[in-house]
């Protein structure tokens, strides 16, 4: 099958603008890839549970070190955005990166 390679992810700044913070591919299961391929529109703009080894901001650019999709609703190294718990507008840069 022709699977996608990664998912672009973003968060909102203080002005309500969606800002790209990178891509994530680690943790994309075959089941999730199939679901995305069948109906990608249901994933656009939805919160996603992800983790990262480290977060950073350099020269105004946001980055995640080794981001991964966190299939366990428990711990992760960077941050946790649970699509069941929050609205997409609550995915804020200020909650992810130490500003």
N, C-alpha and C. Protein backbone atom coordinates (compact mmCIF):
# COMPACT_ATOMS: atom_id res chain seq x y z
N UNK A 1 0.84 -1.19 0.00
CA UNK A 1 0.00 0.00 0.00
C UNK A 1 0.87 1.24 0.00
N UNK A 2 0.31 2.33 -0.45
CA UNK A 2 1.02 3.61 -0.46
C UNK A 2 0.71 4.36 0.83
N UNK A 3 1.53 4.15 1.85
CA UNK A 3 1.33 4.80 3.13
C UNK A 3 1.99 6.17 3.13
N UNK A 4 1.52 7.02 4.01
CA UNK A 4 2.18 8.31 4.23
C UNK A 4 3.46 8.05 5.02
N UNK A 5 4.39 8.99 4.98
CA UNK A 5 5.64 8.82 5.71
C UNK A 5 5.65 9.50 7.06
N UNK A 6 4.89 10.58 7.20
CA UNK A 6 4.87 11.32 8.46
C UNK A 6 3.63 12.20 8.51
N UNK A 7 3.39 12.74 9.70
CA UNK A 7 2.26 13.65 9.92
C UNK A 7 2.84 15.01 10.33
N UNK A 8 2.39 16.08 9.68
CA UNK A 8 2.80 17.41 10.10
C UNK A 8 1.97 17.80 11.31
N UNK A 9 2.64 18.35 12.31
CA UNK A 9 1.95 18.73 13.54
C UNK A 9 2.19 20.20 13.83
N UNK A 10 1.27 20.80 14.56
CA UNK A 10 1.37 22.20 14.89
C UNK A 10 0.65 22.53 16.17
N UNK A 11 0.79 23.75 16.61
CA UNK A 11 0.12 24.26 17.80
C UNK A 11 -0.17 25.74 17.57
N UNK A 12 -1.07 26.27 18.36
CA UNK A 12 -1.48 27.67 18.20
C UNK A 12 -0.62 28.61 19.04
N UNK A 13 -0.31 29.77 18.45
CA UNK A 13 0.40 30.81 19.21
C UNK A 13 -0.62 31.66 19.97
N UNK A 14 -0.14 32.68 20.66
CA UNK A 14 -1.01 33.52 21.48
C UNK A 14 -2.01 34.32 20.66
N UNK A 15 -1.78 34.45 19.35
CA UNK A 15 -2.71 35.16 18.46
C UNK A 15 -3.71 34.24 17.79
N UNK A 16 -3.68 32.96 18.15
CA UNK A 16 -4.61 32.00 17.55
C UNK A 16 -4.20 31.48 16.19
N UNK A 17 -2.93 31.73 15.81
CA UNK A 17 -2.42 31.24 14.52
C UNK A 17 -1.82 29.86 14.70
N UNK A 18 -2.12 28.95 13.78
CA UNK A 18 -1.57 27.60 13.82
C UNK A 18 -0.15 27.63 13.27
N UNK A 19 0.81 27.19 14.08
CA UNK A 19 2.23 27.21 13.72
C UNK A 19 2.74 25.78 13.63
N UNK A 20 3.40 25.47 12.53
CA UNK A 20 3.99 24.13 12.37
C UNK A 20 5.12 23.95 13.37
N UNK A 21 5.16 22.80 14.02
CA UNK A 21 6.26 22.49 14.94
C UNK A 21 7.03 21.26 14.48
N UNK A 22 6.72 20.77 13.30
CA UNK A 22 7.49 19.66 12.75
C UNK A 22 6.63 18.53 12.23
N UNK A 23 7.26 17.39 12.08
CA UNK A 23 6.56 16.19 11.63
C UNK A 23 6.86 15.05 12.60
N UNK A 24 5.99 14.08 12.59
CA UNK A 24 6.19 12.89 13.43
C UNK A 24 5.87 11.66 12.59
N UNK A 25 6.73 10.66 12.71
CA UNK A 25 6.48 9.40 12.00
C UNK A 25 6.59 8.21 12.94
N UNK A 26 7.37 8.34 13.98
CA UNK A 26 7.53 7.24 14.92
C UNK A 26 6.22 6.99 15.65
N UNK A 27 5.81 5.75 15.68
CA UNK A 27 4.55 5.40 16.34
C UNK A 27 3.37 5.28 15.41
N UNK A 28 3.57 5.54 14.13
CA UNK A 28 2.49 5.36 13.15
C UNK A 28 2.30 3.86 12.92
N UNK A 29 1.25 3.32 13.48
CA UNK A 29 0.98 1.89 13.32
C UNK A 29 0.33 1.63 11.96
N UNK A 30 0.36 0.39 11.54
CA UNK A 30 -0.27 0.04 10.27
C UNK A 30 -1.77 0.35 10.31
N UNK A 31 -2.40 0.11 11.45
CA UNK A 31 -3.83 0.40 11.59
C UNK A 31 -4.10 1.90 11.44
N UNK A 32 -3.26 2.73 12.08
CA UNK A 32 -3.44 4.17 11.98
C UNK A 32 -3.17 4.66 10.56
N UNK A 33 -2.14 4.13 9.92
CA UNK A 33 -1.84 4.50 8.54
C UNK A 33 -3.00 4.17 7.61
N UNK A 34 -3.60 3.02 7.83
CA UNK A 34 -4.75 2.61 7.02
C UNK A 34 -5.92 3.56 7.23
N UNK A 35 -6.17 3.90 8.50
CA UNK A 35 -7.27 4.81 8.83
C UNK A 35 -7.05 6.19 8.22
N UNK A 36 -5.82 6.68 8.28
CA UNK A 36 -5.50 7.99 7.70
C UNK A 36 -5.70 7.96 6.19
N UNK A 37 -5.26 6.88 5.56
CA UNK A 37 -5.40 6.77 4.11
C UNK A 37 -6.87 6.73 3.70
N UNK A 38 -7.70 6.04 4.48
CA UNK A 38 -9.12 5.90 4.15
C UNK A 38 -9.89 7.20 4.33
N UNK A 39 -9.52 8.00 5.33
CA UNK A 39 -10.25 9.25 5.59
C UNK A 39 -9.34 10.24 6.30
N UNK A 40 -8.43 10.85 5.56
CA UNK A 40 -7.47 11.77 6.17
C UNK A 40 -8.13 13.02 6.74
N UNK A 41 -9.27 13.43 6.20
CA UNK A 41 -9.93 14.65 6.68
C UNK A 41 -10.34 14.58 8.13
N UNK A 42 -10.63 13.39 8.64
CA UNK A 42 -11.06 13.31 10.04
C UNK A 42 -9.90 13.55 11.02
N UNK A 43 -8.67 13.57 10.51
CA UNK A 43 -7.51 13.80 11.37
C UNK A 43 -7.00 15.24 11.31
N UNK A 44 -7.35 15.96 10.27
CA UNK A 44 -6.85 17.33 10.10
C UNK A 44 -7.45 18.24 11.17
N UNK A 45 -6.57 18.94 11.88
CA UNK A 45 -7.00 19.86 12.92
C UNK A 45 -7.38 19.22 14.24
N UNK A 46 -7.12 17.92 14.38
CA UNK A 46 -7.47 17.21 15.62
C UNK A 46 -6.24 17.09 16.52
N UNK A 47 -6.43 17.22 17.83
CA UNK A 47 -5.31 17.00 18.76
C UNK A 47 -4.80 15.57 18.65
N UNK A 48 -3.54 15.40 18.96
CA UNK A 48 -2.87 14.11 18.86
C UNK A 48 -2.01 13.91 20.09
N UNK A 49 -2.03 12.73 20.64
CA UNK A 49 -1.17 12.42 21.78
C UNK A 49 0.23 12.15 21.24
N UNK A 50 1.17 13.02 21.59
CA UNK A 50 2.55 12.84 21.14
C UNK A 50 3.51 13.05 22.30
N UNK A 51 4.69 12.58 22.14
CA UNK A 51 5.76 12.78 23.11
C UNK A 51 7.02 13.16 22.36
N UNK A 52 8.02 13.61 23.08
CA UNK A 52 9.30 13.95 22.48
C UNK A 52 10.38 13.86 23.54
N UNK A 53 11.58 13.56 23.11
CA UNK A 53 12.71 13.50 24.04
C UNK A 53 13.01 14.89 24.60
N UNK A 54 12.76 15.91 23.75
CA UNK A 54 13.12 17.27 24.13
C UNK A 54 12.38 18.25 23.23
N UNK A 55 12.09 19.42 23.76
CA UNK A 55 11.51 20.49 22.96
C UNK A 55 12.48 21.66 22.94
N UNK A 56 12.41 22.49 21.90
CA UNK A 56 13.31 23.62 21.85
C UNK A 56 12.84 24.70 20.90
N UNK A 57 13.39 25.88 21.09
CA UNK A 57 13.13 27.01 20.20
C UNK A 57 14.48 27.61 19.86
N UNK A 58 14.78 27.69 18.57
CA UNK A 58 16.05 28.27 18.13
C UNK A 58 15.77 29.21 16.97
N UNK A 59 16.19 30.45 17.15
CA UNK A 59 15.99 31.49 16.13
C UNK A 59 14.54 31.58 15.69
N UNK A 60 13.63 31.49 16.65
CA UNK A 60 12.20 31.61 16.37
C UNK A 60 11.54 30.37 15.79
N UNK A 61 12.29 29.30 15.63
CA UNK A 61 11.73 28.05 15.08
C UNK A 61 11.56 27.04 16.21
N UNK A 62 10.41 26.41 16.21
CA UNK A 62 10.09 25.41 17.23
C UNK A 62 10.53 24.04 16.73
N UNK A 63 11.03 23.22 17.65
CA UNK A 63 11.45 21.88 17.24
C UNK A 63 11.18 20.86 18.35
N UNK A 64 11.00 19.64 17.91
CA UNK A 64 10.82 18.51 18.80
C UNK A 64 11.93 17.51 18.49
N UNK A 65 12.60 17.05 19.51
CA UNK A 65 13.66 16.06 19.30
C UNK A 65 13.07 14.67 19.44
N UNK A 66 13.17 13.90 18.41
CA UNK A 66 12.66 12.53 18.36
C UNK A 66 11.18 12.44 18.78
N UNK A 67 10.31 13.15 18.07
CA UNK A 67 8.88 13.07 18.42
C UNK A 67 8.31 11.70 18.06
N UNK A 68 7.29 11.31 18.79
CA UNK A 68 6.63 10.03 18.53
C UNK A 68 5.16 10.14 18.91
N UNK A 69 4.35 9.34 18.24
CA UNK A 69 2.94 9.26 18.59
C UNK A 69 2.85 8.36 19.81
N UNK A 70 2.25 8.88 20.86
CA UNK A 70 2.18 8.18 22.13
C UNK A 70 0.87 7.43 22.22
N UNK A 71 0.90 6.14 21.98
CA UNK A 71 -0.32 5.35 22.01
C UNK A 71 -0.79 5.04 23.42
N UNK A 72 0.08 5.24 24.40
CA UNK A 72 -0.30 5.02 25.79
C UNK A 72 -0.68 6.35 26.40
N UNK A 73 -1.80 6.39 27.07
CA UNK A 73 -2.28 7.66 27.64
C UNK A 73 -1.61 7.95 28.98
N UNK A 74 -0.39 7.53 29.12
CA UNK A 74 0.33 7.73 30.37
C UNK A 74 1.45 8.74 30.20
N UNK A 75 2.65 8.31 30.50
CA UNK A 75 3.77 9.25 30.52
C UNK A 75 4.41 9.41 29.14
N UNK A 76 5.01 10.52 28.98
CA UNK A 76 5.87 10.76 27.82
C UNK A 76 6.91 11.77 28.26
N UNK A 77 7.94 11.94 27.49
CA UNK A 77 9.05 12.78 27.92
C UNK A 77 8.80 14.27 27.72
N UNK A 78 8.06 14.62 26.70
CA UNK A 78 7.89 16.03 26.40
C UNK A 78 6.57 16.59 26.90
N UNK A 79 5.51 16.23 26.25
CA UNK A 79 4.20 16.78 26.57
C UNK A 79 3.14 15.80 26.13
N UNK A 80 1.93 16.04 26.55
CA UNK A 80 0.84 15.14 26.21
C UNK A 80 -0.38 15.97 25.83
N UNK A 81 -0.91 15.72 24.67
CA UNK A 81 -2.15 16.35 24.23
C UNK A 81 -3.12 15.22 23.94
N UNK A 82 -4.13 15.08 24.75
CA UNK A 82 -5.07 13.97 24.61
C UNK A 82 -6.31 14.44 23.88
N UNK A 83 -6.54 13.89 22.71
CA UNK A 83 -7.66 14.33 21.87
C UNK A 83 -9.01 14.14 22.54
N UNK A 84 -9.09 13.28 23.54
CA UNK A 84 -10.35 13.07 24.24
C UNK A 84 -10.61 14.18 25.26
N UNK A 85 -9.54 14.82 25.71
CA UNK A 85 -9.64 15.76 26.83
C UNK A 85 -9.70 17.22 26.43
N UNK A 86 -9.18 17.58 25.26
CA UNK A 86 -9.05 19.00 24.95
C UNK A 86 -9.52 19.32 23.55
N UNK A 87 -9.82 20.58 23.35
CA UNK A 87 -10.16 21.13 22.05
C UNK A 87 -8.86 21.48 21.33
N UNK A 88 -8.86 21.47 20.02
CA UNK A 88 -7.64 21.77 19.27
C UNK A 88 -7.11 23.16 19.59
N UNK A 89 -7.97 24.11 19.93
CA UNK A 89 -7.53 25.47 20.26
C UNK A 89 -6.76 25.52 21.58
N UNK A 90 -6.83 24.43 22.36
CA UNK A 90 -6.07 24.35 23.60
C UNK A 90 -4.66 23.80 23.38
N UNK A 91 -4.33 23.44 22.14
CA UNK A 91 -2.97 22.97 21.80
C UNK A 91 -2.11 24.20 21.56
N UNK A 92 -1.55 24.72 22.62
CA UNK A 92 -0.84 26.00 22.57
C UNK A 92 0.67 25.81 22.63
N UNK A 93 1.38 26.63 21.86
CA UNK A 93 2.83 26.61 21.90
C UNK A 93 3.32 26.82 23.33
N UNK A 94 2.66 27.71 24.06
CA UNK A 94 3.09 28.03 25.42
C UNK A 94 2.96 26.83 26.37
N UNK A 95 2.12 25.86 26.04
CA UNK A 95 2.00 24.66 26.87
C UNK A 95 3.06 23.62 26.51
N UNK A 96 3.62 23.74 25.33
CA UNK A 96 4.59 22.76 24.85
C UNK A 96 6.02 23.23 25.06
N UNK A 97 6.27 24.50 24.75
CA UNK A 97 7.62 25.05 24.82
C UNK A 97 7.71 26.04 25.96
N UNK A 98 8.82 26.03 26.66
CA UNK A 98 9.05 26.99 27.74
C UNK A 98 9.36 28.34 27.13
N UNK A 99 8.37 29.22 27.09
CA UNK A 99 8.56 30.56 26.50
C UNK A 99 8.91 31.56 27.57
